[in-house]
C-alpha atoms as a PDB file:
ATOM      1  CA  MET A   1      55.479  34.813 133.404  1.00  0.00           C
ATOM      2  CA  SER A   2      55.017  34.713 129.696  1.00  0.00           C
ATOM      3  CA  ALA A   3      57.941  34.066 127.542  1.00  0.00           C
ATOM      4  CA  PRO A   4      59.411  37.224 125.995  1.00  0.00           C
ATOM      5  CA  SER A   5      58.527  37.725 122.319  1.00  0.00           C
ATOM      6  CA  PRO A   6      61.386  36.974 119.998  1.00  0.00           C
ATOM      7  CA  ALA A   7      63.224  40.067 118.745  1.00  0.00           C
ATOM      8  CA  LEU A   8      62.694  41.121 115.072  1.00  0.00           C
ATOM      9  CA  PRO A   9      65.702  40.303 112.952  1.00  0.00           C
ATOM     10  CA  GLN A  10      67.850  43.296 112.151  1.00  0.00           C
ATOM     11  CA  ILE A  11      68.002  44.319 108.492  1.00  0.00           C
ATOM     12  CA  SER A  12      71.492  43.810 107.221  1.00  0.00           C
ATOM     13  CA  ALA A  13      73.511  46.660 105.873  1.00  0.00           C
ATOM     14  CA  ARG A  14      73.694  44.868 102.498  1.00  0.00           C
ATOM     15  CA  ARG A  15      69.903  44.754 102.160  1.00  0.00           C
ATOM     16  CA  LYS A  16      69.623  48.385 103.101  1.00  0.00           C
ATOM     17  CA  THR A  17      72.201  49.322 100.385  1.00  0.00           C
ATOM     18  CA  VAL A  18      70.370  47.210  97.781  1.00  0.00           C
ATOM     19  CA  ASP A  19      67.017  48.880  98.757  1.00  0.00           C
ATOM     20  CA  ARG A  20      68.550  52.384  98.350  1.00  0.00           C
ATOM     21  CA  ILE A  21      70.050  51.476  95.049  1.00  0.00           C
ATOM     22  CA  MET A  22      66.795  50.020  93.683  1.00  0.00           C
ATOM     23  CA  HIS A  23      64.946  53.114  94.796  1.00  0.00           C
ATOM     24  CA  GLY A  24      67.459  55.274  93.170  1.00  0.00           C
ATOM     25  CA  LEU A  25      67.238  53.394  89.868  1.00  0.00           C
ATOM     26  CA  MET A  26      63.442  53.524  89.997  1.00  0.00           C
ATOM     27  CA  TYR A  27      63.571  57.331  90.087  1.00  0.00           C
ATOM     28  CA  VAL A  28      66.210  57.525  87.394  1.00  0.00           C
ATOM     29  CA  PHE A  29      64.254  55.331  84.938  1.00  0.00           C
ATOM     30  CA  PHE A  30      61.077  57.312  85.820  1.00  0.00           C
ATOM     31  CA  GLY A  31      62.825  60.513  85.043  1.00  0.00           C
ATOM     32  CA  LEU A  32      64.169  58.982  81.733  1.00  0.00           C
ATOM     33  CA  ALA A  33      60.625  57.986  80.802  1.00  0.00           C
ATOM     34  CA  LEU A  34      59.453  61.475  81.275  1.00  0.00           C
ATOM     35  CA  VAL A  35      62.130  63.060  79.140  1.00  0.00           C
ATOM     36  CA  PRO A  36      60.458  62.233  75.738  1.00  0.00           C
ATOM     37  CA  LEU A  37      57.051  63.075  76.979  1.00  0.00           C
ATOM     38  CA  ILE A  38      58.147  66.524  78.378  1.00  0.00           C
ATOM     39  CA  SER A  39      60.227  67.286  75.272  1.00  0.00           C
ATOM     40  CA  LEU A  40      57.333  66.405  73.009  1.00  0.00           C
ATOM     41  CA  ILE A  41      54.851  68.546  74.942  1.00  0.00           C
ATOM     42  CA  TRP A  42      57.414  71.359  75.038  1.00  0.00           C
ATOM     43  CA  MET A  43      58.044  71.266  71.307  1.00  0.00           C
ATOM     44  CA  VAL A  44      54.211  71.271  70.500  1.00  0.00           C
ATOM     45  CA  VAL A  45      53.570  74.115  72.891  1.00  0.00           C
ATOM     46  CA  LYS A  46      56.509  76.238  71.708  1.00  0.00           C
ATOM     47  CA  SER A  47      55.608  75.703  68.006  1.00  0.00           C
ATOM     48  CA  GLY A  48      51.976  75.999  68.235  1.00  0.00           C
ATOM     49  CA  ILE A  49      51.267  78.604  70.911  1.00  0.00           C
ATOM     50  CA  SER A  50      51.939  81.557  68.588  1.00  0.00           C
ATOM     51  CA  ARG A  51      49.344  80.549  66.166  1.00  0.00           C
ATOM     52  CA  LEU A  52      46.735  79.383  68.671  1.00  0.00           C
ATOM     53  CA  ASP A  53      44.522  82.301  68.977  1.00  0.00           C
ATOM     54  CA  GLY A  54      40.801  83.229  68.767  1.00  0.00           C
ATOM     55  CA  ASP A  55      40.949  83.482  65.007  1.00  0.00           C
ATOM     56  CA  PHE A  56      42.427  80.052  64.701  1.00  0.00           C
ATOM     57  CA  LEU A  57      39.743  78.551  66.940  1.00  0.00           C
ATOM     58  CA  SER A  58      36.724  80.324  65.409  1.00  0.00           C
ATOM     59  CA  HIS A  59      37.464  80.241  61.571  1.00  0.00           C
ATOM     60  CA  SER A  60      37.828  77.491  59.100  1.00  0.00           C
ATOM     61  CA  SER A  61      40.488  77.282  56.330  1.00  0.00           C
ATOM     62  CA  LYS A  62      38.027  77.697  53.593  1.00  0.00           C
ATOM     63  CA  GLY A  63      39.559  79.717  50.785  1.00  0.00           C
ATOM     64  CA  VAL A  64      42.960  79.819  52.450  1.00  0.00           C
ATOM     65  CA  ALA A  65      45.816  78.283  50.402  1.00  0.00           C
ATOM     66  CA  GLY A  66      49.012  76.761  52.066  1.00  0.00           C
ATOM     67  CA  PHE A  67      51.130  79.819  51.193  1.00  0.00           C
ATOM     68  CA  GLN A  68      48.571  82.223  52.716  1.00  0.00           C
ATOM     69  CA  PRO A  69      48.369  83.337  56.294  1.00  0.00           C
ATOM     70  CA  GLY A  70      45.297  83.132  58.498  1.00  0.00           C
ATOM     71  CA  GLY A  71      42.794  80.231  58.413  1.00  0.00           C
ATOM     72  CA  GLY A  72      41.848  78.148  61.405  1.00  0.00           C
ATOM     73  CA  ALA A  73      40.833  74.722  62.509  1.00  0.00           C
ATOM     74  CA  TYR A  74      37.174  75.396  63.622  1.00  0.00           C
ATOM     75  CA  HIS A  75      35.926  72.939  60.994  1.00  0.00           C
ATOM     76  CA  ALA A  76      38.240  70.308  62.216  1.00  0.00           C
ATOM     77  CA  ILE A  77      37.408  70.857  65.886  1.00  0.00           C
ATOM     78  CA  VAL A  78      33.633  70.593  65.119  1.00  0.00           C
ATOM     79  CA  GLY A  79      34.301  67.417  63.062  1.00  0.00           C
ATOM     80  CA  THR A  80      36.470  65.870  65.817  1.00  0.00           C
ATOM     81  CA  LEU A  81      33.935  66.409  68.574  1.00  0.00           C
ATOM     82  CA  GLU A  82      31.143  65.041  66.248  1.00  0.00           C
ATOM     83  CA  ILE A  83      33.021  61.948  65.411  1.00  0.00           C
ATOM     84  CA  MET A  84      34.108  61.299  69.027  1.00  0.00           C
ATOM     85  CA  LEU A  85      30.582  61.784  70.381  1.00  0.00           C
ATOM     86  CA  LEU A  86      29.241  59.184  67.933  1.00  0.00           C
ATOM     87  CA  THR A  87      32.082  56.780  68.642  1.00  0.00           C
ATOM     88  CA  THR A  88      31.513  57.010  72.346  1.00  0.00           C
ATOM     89  CA  ILE A  89      27.772  56.536  72.059  1.00  0.00           C
ATOM     90  CA  MET A  90      28.323  53.362  70.017  1.00  0.00           C
ATOM     91  CA  ALA A  91      31.359  51.917  71.602  1.00  0.00           C
ATOM     92  CA  VAL A  92      30.840  52.417  75.426  1.00  0.00           C
ATOM     93  CA  PRO A  93      27.488  50.660  75.856  1.00  0.00           C
ATOM     94  CA  ILE A  94      28.754  47.697  73.871  1.00  0.00           C
ATOM     95  CA  ALA A  95      32.013  47.516  75.674  1.00  0.00           C
ATOM     96  CA  VAL A  96      30.496  47.922  79.167  1.00  0.00           C
ATOM     97  CA  LEU A  97      27.824  45.287  78.603  1.00  0.00           C
ATOM     98  CA  THR A  98      30.445  42.916  77.352  1.00  0.00           C
ATOM     99  CA  ALA A  99      32.597  43.498  80.335  1.00  0.00           C
ATOM    100  CA  VAL A 100      29.550  42.943  82.585  1.00  0.00           C
ATOM    101  CA  TYR A 101      28.806  39.669  80.890  1.00  0.00           C
ATOM    102  CA  LEU A 102      32.411  38.319  81.098  1.00  0.00           C
ATOM    103  CA  VAL A 103      32.749  39.169  84.821  1.00  0.00           C
ATOM    104  CA  GLU A 104      29.197  38.553  86.166  1.00  0.00           C
ATOM    105  CA  TYR A 105      27.725  35.903  83.845  1.00  0.00           C
ATOM    106  CA  GLY A 106      30.582  34.261  81.877  1.00  0.00           C
ATOM    107  CA  GLN A 107      32.448  32.313  84.565  1.00  0.00           C
ATOM    108  CA  ASN A 108      33.659  29.005  83.018  1.00  0.00           C
ATOM    109  CA  LYS A 109      31.412  29.415  79.871  1.00  0.00           C
ATOM    110  CA  ARG A 110      32.624  28.725  76.359  1.00  0.00           C
ATOM    111  CA  LEU A 111      30.997  31.847  74.954  1.00  0.00           C
ATOM    112  CA  ALA A 112      32.810  34.007  77.359  1.00  0.00           C
ATOM    113  CA  ARG A 113      36.116  32.417  76.443  1.00  0.00           C
ATOM    114  CA  ILE A 114      35.429  33.084  72.766  1.00  0.00           C
ATOM    115  CA  ILE A 115      34.461  36.735  73.427  1.00  0.00           C
ATOM    116  CA  SER A 116      37.645  37.199  75.479  1.00  0.00           C
ATOM    117  CA  PHE A 117      39.801  35.731  72.733  1.00  0.00           C
ATOM    118  CA  PHE A 118      38.329  38.032  70.133  1.00  0.00           C
ATOM    119  CA  VAL A 119      38.668  41.016  72.368  1.00  0.00           C
ATOM    120  CA  ASP A 120      42.398  40.233  72.666  1.00  0.00           C
ATOM    121  CA  VAL A 121      42.639  39.872  68.910  1.00  0.00           C
ATOM    122  CA  MET A 122      40.844  43.214  68.394  1.00  0.00           C
ATOM    123  CA  THR A 123      43.210  44.947  70.803  1.00  0.00           C
ATOM    124  CA  GLY A 124      46.180  44.150  68.465  1.00  0.00           C
ATOM    125  CA  VAL A 125      44.436  45.110  65.218  1.00  0.00           C
ATOM    126  CA  PRO A 126      46.237  47.974  63.469  1.00  0.00           C
ATOM    127  CA  SER A 127      44.043  51.085  63.019  1.00  0.00           C
ATOM    128  CA  ILE A 128      44.449  51.033  59.299  1.00  0.00           C
ATOM    129  CA  ILE A 129      42.762  47.628  59.191  1.00  0.00           C
ATOM    130  CA  ALA A 130      39.597  49.086  60.946  1.00  0.00           C
ATOM    131  CA  GLY A 131      39.560  51.845  58.363  1.00  0.00           C
ATOM    132  CA  LEU A 132      39.973  49.385  55.440  1.00  0.00           C
ATOM    133  CA  PHE A 133      37.219  47.246  56.841  1.00  0.00           C
ATOM    134  CA  ILE A 134      34.656  50.130  57.037  1.00  0.00           C
ATOM    135  CA  LEU A 135      35.809  51.299  53.675  1.00  0.00           C
ATOM    136  CA  ALA A 136      35.285  47.940  51.979  1.00  0.00           C
ATOM    137  CA  PHE A 137      32.048  47.089  53.777  1.00  0.00           C
ATOM    138  CA  TRP A 138      30.329  50.303  54.738  1.00  0.00           C
ATOM    139  CA  ILE A 139      31.205  52.338  51.709  1.00  0.00           C
ATOM    140  CA  LEU A 140      32.121  50.047  48.759  1.00  0.00           C
ATOM    141  CA  VAL A 141      29.716  47.120  49.532  1.00  0.00           C
ATOM    142  CA  LEU A 142      26.759  49.003  50.971  1.00  0.00           C
ATOM    143  CA  GLY A 143      27.254  52.036  48.804  1.00  0.00           C
ATOM    144  CA  ASN A 144      27.321  54.663  51.604  1.00  0.00           C
ATOM    145  CA  GLN A 145      29.355  57.771  51.139  1.00  0.00           C
ATOM    146  CA  ALA A 146      32.352  58.983  53.108  1.00  0.00           C
ATOM    147  CA  SER A 147      31.053  60.674  56.208  1.00  0.00           C
ATOM    148  CA  GLY A 148      31.793  61.346  59.966  1.00  0.00           C
ATOM    149  CA  PHE A 149      29.596  58.327  60.798  1.00  0.00           C
ATOM    150  CA  ALA A 150      31.834  56.045  58.796  1.00  0.00           C
ATOM    151  CA  GLY A 151      34.842  57.395  60.748  1.00  0.00           C
ATOM    152  CA  ALA A 152      32.984  56.813  63.992  1.00  0.00           C
ATOM    153  CA  LEU A 153      32.424  53.216  62.958  1.00  0.00           C
ATOM    154  CA  ALA A 154      36.076  52.671  62.311  1.00  0.00           C
ATOM    155  CA  LEU A 155      37.115  54.359  65.605  1.00  0.00           C
ATOM    156  CA  ALA A 156      34.461  52.297  67.511  1.00  0.00           C
ATOM    157  CA  ILE A 157      36.194  49.156  66.447  1.00  0.00           C
ATOM    158  CA  LEU A 158      39.367  50.412  67.933  1.00  0.00           C
ATOM    159  CA  MET A 159      37.761  51.708  71.052  1.00  0.00           C
ATOM    160  CA  ILE A 160      35.689  48.697  72.111  1.00  0.00           C
ATOM    161  CA  PRO A 161      38.427  46.301  73.129  1.00  0.00           C
ATOM    162  CA  THR A 162      40.249  48.954  75.185  1.00  0.00           C
ATOM    163  CA  VAL A 163      37.075  49.869  77.136  1.00  0.00           C
ATOM    164  CA  VAL A 164      36.107  46.158  77.593  1.00  0.00           C
ATOM    165  CA  ARG A 165      39.462  45.333  79.180  1.00  0.00           C
ATOM    166  CA  SER A 166      39.569  48.374  81.372  1.00  0.00           C
ATOM    167  CA  SER A 167      35.963  47.883  82.524  1.00  0.00           C
ATOM    168  CA  GLU A 168      36.554  44.195  83.123  1.00  0.00           C
ATOM    169  CA  GLU A 169      39.417  44.955  85.457  1.00  0.00           C
ATOM    170  CA  MET A 170      37.561  47.498  87.330  1.00  0.00           C
ATOM    171  CA  LEU A 171      34.518  45.141  87.843  1.00  0.00           C
ATOM    172  CA  LYS A 172      36.907  42.441  89.110  1.00  0.00           C
ATOM    173  CA  LEU A 173      38.058  44.821  91.824  1.00  0.00           C
ATOM    174  CA  VAL A 174      34.613  45.164  93.272  1.00  0.00           C
ATOM    175  CA  PRO A 175      34.628  43.047  96.479  1.00  0.00           C
ATOM    176  CA  ASN A 176      32.608  39.893  96.393  1.00  0.00           C
ATOM    177  CA  GLU A 177      31.288  40.739  99.900  1.00  0.00           C
ATOM    178  CA  LEU A 178      29.127  43.433  98.218  1.00  0.00           C
ATOM    179  CA  ARG A 179      27.611  40.950  95.785  1.00  0.00           C
ATOM    180  CA  GLU A 180      26.949  38.473  98.524  1.00  0.00           C
ATOM    181  CA  ALA A 181      25.407  40.992 100.863  1.00  0.00           C
ATOM    182  CA  SER A 182      23.057  42.196  98.057  1.00  0.00           C
ATOM    183  CA  TYR A 183      22.086  38.604  97.223  1.00  0.00           C
ATOM    184  CA  ALA A 184      21.558  37.807 100.854  1.00  0.00           C
ATOM    185  CA  LEU A 185      18.847  40.608 100.980  1.00  0.00           C
ATOM    186  CA  GLY A 186      17.064  38.999  98.068  1.00  0.00           C
ATOM    187  CA  VAL A 187      18.118  41.599  95.527  1.00  0.00           C
ATOM    188  CA  PRO A 188      18.077  40.137  91.873  1.00  0.00           C
ATOM    189  CA  ARG A 189      21.439  39.992  90.040  1.00  0.00           C
ATOM    190  CA  TRP A 190      20.474  42.531  87.454  1.00  0.00           C
ATOM    191  CA  ARG A 191      19.635  45.049  90.196  1.00  0.00           C
ATOM    192  CA  THR A 192      22.765  44.209  92.169  1.00  0.00           C
ATOM    193  CA  ILE A 193      24.756  44.932  88.990  1.00  0.00           C
ATOM    194  CA  THR A 194      23.043  48.284  88.213  1.00  0.00           C
ATOM    195  CA  LYS A 195      22.778  49.594  91.810  1.00  0.00           C
ATOM    196  CA  VAL A 196      25.812  48.154  93.584  1.00  0.00           C
ATOM    197  CA  ILE A 197      28.559  46.869  91.238  1.00  0.00           C
ATOM    198  CA  LEU A 198      28.454  49.440  88.457  1.00  0.00           C
ATOM    199  CA  PRO A 199      28.333  52.488  90.809  1.00  0.00           C
ATOM    200  CA  THR A 200      31.195  50.977  92.817  1.00  0.00           C
ATOM    201  CA  ALA A 201      33.420  50.600  89.749  1.00  0.00           C
ATOM    202  CA  PHE A 202      32.176  53.721  88.022  1.00  0.00           C
ATOM    203  CA  SER A 203      35.138  55.961  88.779  1.00  0.00           C
ATOM    204  CA  GLY A 204      37.705  53.495  87.401  1.00  0.00           C
ATOM    205  CA  MET A 205      35.581  52.729  84.387  1.00  0.00           C
ATOM    206  CA  ILE A 206      35.346  56.414  83.582  1.00  0.00           C
ATOM    207  CA  THR A 207      39.152  56.653  83.638  1.00  0.00           C
ATOM    208  CA  GLY A 208      39.368  53.672  81.297  1.00  0.00           C
ATOM    209  CA  ILE A 209      36.842  55.180  78.916  1.00  0.00           C
ATOM    210  CA  MET A 210      38.701  58.490  78.799  1.00  0.00           C
ATOM    211  CA  LEU A 211      42.026  56.590  78.045  1.00  0.00           C
ATOM    212  CA  ALA A 212      40.287  54.896  75.174  1.00  0.00           C
ATOM    213  CA  VAL A 213      38.828  58.130  73.950  1.00  0.00           C
ATOM    214  CA  ALA A 214      42.325  59.801  74.100  1.00  0.00           C
ATOM    215  CA  ARG A 215      43.728  56.918  72.136  1.00  0.00           C
ATOM    216  CA  VAL A 216      41.277  56.931  69.238  1.00  0.00           C
ATOM    217  CA  MET A 217      40.957  60.738  69.054  1.00  0.00           C
ATOM    218  CA  GLY A 218      44.497  60.992  67.561  1.00  0.00           C
ATOM    219  CA  GLU A 219      43.980  58.279  64.926  1.00  0.00           C
ATOM    220  CA  THR A 220      44.651  59.529  61.444  1.00  0.00           C
ATOM    221  CA  ALA A 221      44.908  56.475  59.115  1.00  0.00           C
ATOM    222  CA  PRO A 222      41.306  55.157  59.375  1.00  0.00           C
ATOM    223  CA  LEU A 223      39.901  58.594  59.092  1.00  0.00           C
ATOM    224  CA  LEU A 224      41.753  59.389  55.927  1.00  0.00           C
ATOM    225  CA  LEU A 225      40.085  56.357  54.308  1.00  0.00           C
ATOM    226  CA  VAL A 226      36.493  56.990  55.241  1.00  0.00           C
ATOM    227  CA  ILE A 227      35.785  60.627  55.997  1.00  0.00           C
ATOM    228  CA  GLY A 228      37.792  62.433  53.304  1.00  0.00           C
ATOM    229  CA  THR A 229      39.183  65.844  53.771  1.00  0.00           C
ATOM    230  CA  THR A 230      37.471  69.241  53.475  1.00  0.00           C
ATOM    231  CA  LYS A 231      38.070  72.862  54.591  1.00  0.00           C
ATOM    232  CA  VAL A 232      34.509  73.736  55.089  1.00  0.00           C
ATOM    233  CA  ILE A 233      32.352  73.270  58.272  1.00  0.00           C
ATOM    234  CA  ASN A 234      30.068  70.278  58.166  1.00  0.00           C
ATOM    235  CA  THR A 235      27.753  69.912  61.134  1.00  0.00           C
ATOM    236  CA  ASN A 236      26.027  66.829  59.715  1.00  0.00           C
ATOM    237  CA  PRO A 237      28.221  63.730  60.422  1.00  0.00           C
ATOM    238  CA  PHE A 238      25.931  61.525  58.339  1.00  0.00           C
ATOM    239  CA  SER A 239      26.395  63.269  55.067  1.00  0.00           C
ATOM    240  CA  GLY A 240      29.457  64.375  53.153  1.00  0.00           C
ATOM    241  CA  SER A 241      33.098  64.614  53.881  1.00  0.00           C
ATOM    242  CA  ILE A 242      34.130  66.043  57.227  1.00  0.00           C
ATOM    243  CA  SER A 243      37.347  67.248  58.698  1.00  0.00           C
ATOM    244  CA  SER A 244      38.961  66.269  62.001  1.00  0.00           C
ATOM    245  CA  LEU A 245      41.982  67.525  63.801  1.00  0.00           C
ATOM    246  CA  PRO A 246      44.213  64.433  62.997  1.00  0.00           C
ATOM    247  CA  THR A 247      43.489  64.846  59.246  1.00  0.00           C
ATOM    248  CA  PHE A 248      43.795  68.591  59.521  1.00  0.00           C
ATOM    249  CA  ILE A 249      47.283  68.206  61.005  1.00  0.00           C
ATOM    250  CA  TRP A 250      48.169  65.639  58.353  1.00  0.00           C
ATOM    251  CA  GLU A 251      46.962  67.912  55.550  1.00  0.00           C
ATOM    252  CA  GLN A 252      48.740  71.005  56.820  1.00  0.00           C
ATOM    253  CA  SER A 253      52.047  69.178  57.676  1.00  0.00           C
ATOM    254  CA  GLY A 254      52.306  67.945  54.148  1.00  0.00           C
ATOM    255  CA  ASP A 255      52.429  71.437  52.745  1.00  0.00           C
ATOM    256  CA  PRO A 256      55.940  72.846  52.590  1.00  0.00           C
ATOM    257  CA  ASN A 257      54.950  76.418  53.473  1.00  0.00           C
ATOM    258  CA  GLN A 258      55.636  77.949  56.853  1.00  0.00           C
ATOM    259  CA  PHE A 259      51.991  79.122  57.310  1.00  0.00           C
ATOM    260  CA  SER A 260      50.726  75.590  56.840  1.00  0.00           C
ATOM    261  CA  ALA A 261      53.394  74.255  59.323  1.00  0.00           C
ATOM    262  CA  ASP A 262      52.258  76.771  61.958  1.00  0.00           C
ATOM    263  CA  ARG A 263      48.589  75.743  61.446  1.00  0.00           C
ATOM    264  CA  ALA A 264      49.700  72.063  61.836  1.00  0.00           C
ATOM    265  CA  TRP A 265      51.473  72.733  65.157  1.00  0.00           C
ATOM    266  CA  ALA A 266      48.534  74.838  66.420  1.00  0.00           C
ATOM    267  CA  GLY A 267      46.211  71.873  65.417  1.00  0.00           C
ATOM    268  CA  ALA A 268      48.320  69.484  67.392  1.00  0.00           C
ATOM    269  CA  LEU A 269      48.333  71.645  70.485  1.00  0.00           C
ATOM    270  CA  THR A 270      44.530  72.126  70.175  1.00  0.00           C
ATOM    271  CA  LEU A 271      44.099  68.268  70.033  1.00  0.00           C
ATOM    272  CA  ILE A 272      46.133  67.930  73.218  1.00  0.00           C
ATOM    273  CA  LEU A 273      44.236  70.572  74.986  1.00  0.00           C
ATOM    274  CA  ILE A 274      40.871  69.041  74.082  1.00  0.00           C
ATOM    275  CA  ILE A 275      41.988  65.616  75.400  1.00  0.00           C
ATOM    276  CA  MET A 276      43.318  67.250  78.628  1.00  0.00           C
ATOM    277  CA  LEU A 277      39.950  69.055  79.164  1.00  0.00           C
ATOM    278  CA  LEU A 278      37.967  65.897  78.454  1.00  0.00           C
ATOM    279  CA  ASN A 279      40.078  63.904  80.911  1.00  0.00           C
ATOM    280  CA  LEU A 280      39.715  66.606  83.549  1.00  0.00           C
ATOM    281  CA  GLY A 281      35.860  66.768  83.094  1.00  0.00           C
ATOM    282  CA  ALA A 282      35.619  63.055  83.323  1.00  0.00           C
ATOM    283  CA  ARG A 283      37.606  62.914  86.520  1.00  0.00           C
ATOM    284  CA  LEU A 284      35.505  65.570  88.045  1.00  0.00           C
ATOM    285  CA  VAL A 285      32.303  63.686  87.140  1.00  0.00           C
ATOM    286  CA  ALA A 286      33.780  60.445  88.510  1.00  0.00           C
ATOM    287  CA  ARG A 287      34.725  62.144  91.740  1.00  0.00           C
ATOM    288  CA  ARG A 288      31.260  63.706  92.298  1.00  0.00           C
ATOM    289  CA  THR A 289      29.366  60.477  91.451  1.00  0.00           C
ATOM    290  CA  SER A 290      31.717  57.866  93.194  1.00  0.00           C
ATOM    291  CA  ILE A 291      30.513  56.008  96.255  1.00  0.00           C
ATOM    292  CA  ARG A 292      32.364  57.001  99.326  1.00  0.00           C
END
């Protein structure tokens, strides 16, 4: 007869108690972390919901003084979407290609180490520095005017390192077995990357991209330097000053009148809702296109 298997050691009462305490502390600290987030959202919703209506979303603030009622943020919404579209078009391809090089081609290469170092440096660059760089180089040295495109350049500098790091981590999670199986079938590396690796990591990469979009969409300091402020609708991001929701909120909150404060709160709520809708849309796209 075979020898009986040894009995599993019993978990001591002390270990069970410590486990329960740590679980309890985890839930407590999680709840404490939610307190400022929930209180912030509640304050914005409570203060901005009364002014957030069809008139606010469909009219600009042209000709509306701070002490006057009415006026909306349509010009700022249009400007924000224009700037973020340009920023995403410029930043995402550069960042994704950089991440692909670091993961798939840059093992133990000096260039990859240099790129990784500068990505880390760019991650810690304050947003005002990106705005000052575009102001000095694009506007003062090259002689271009303040525009939405200049704002997109400044935000792209902030967005690229975030997308690089998130995409890099998602690509590293792709199992090596998929690469080896593709290579074993004689598939070239570039086709393996485009047909196997990127589709596998697509869902996680989309999440990282949307986190980067949400981060830069609320930036105010660089936009104040390079896009100016205006109360009229400008649908051409390559010419003239353009408004955005962050600069709209900053402008309205600086006015001591109650009507301006209401517009500022409504603008903040609009910005939160736009970010939530973009994240929801990105998750739906990622879910429909992910490999199962």
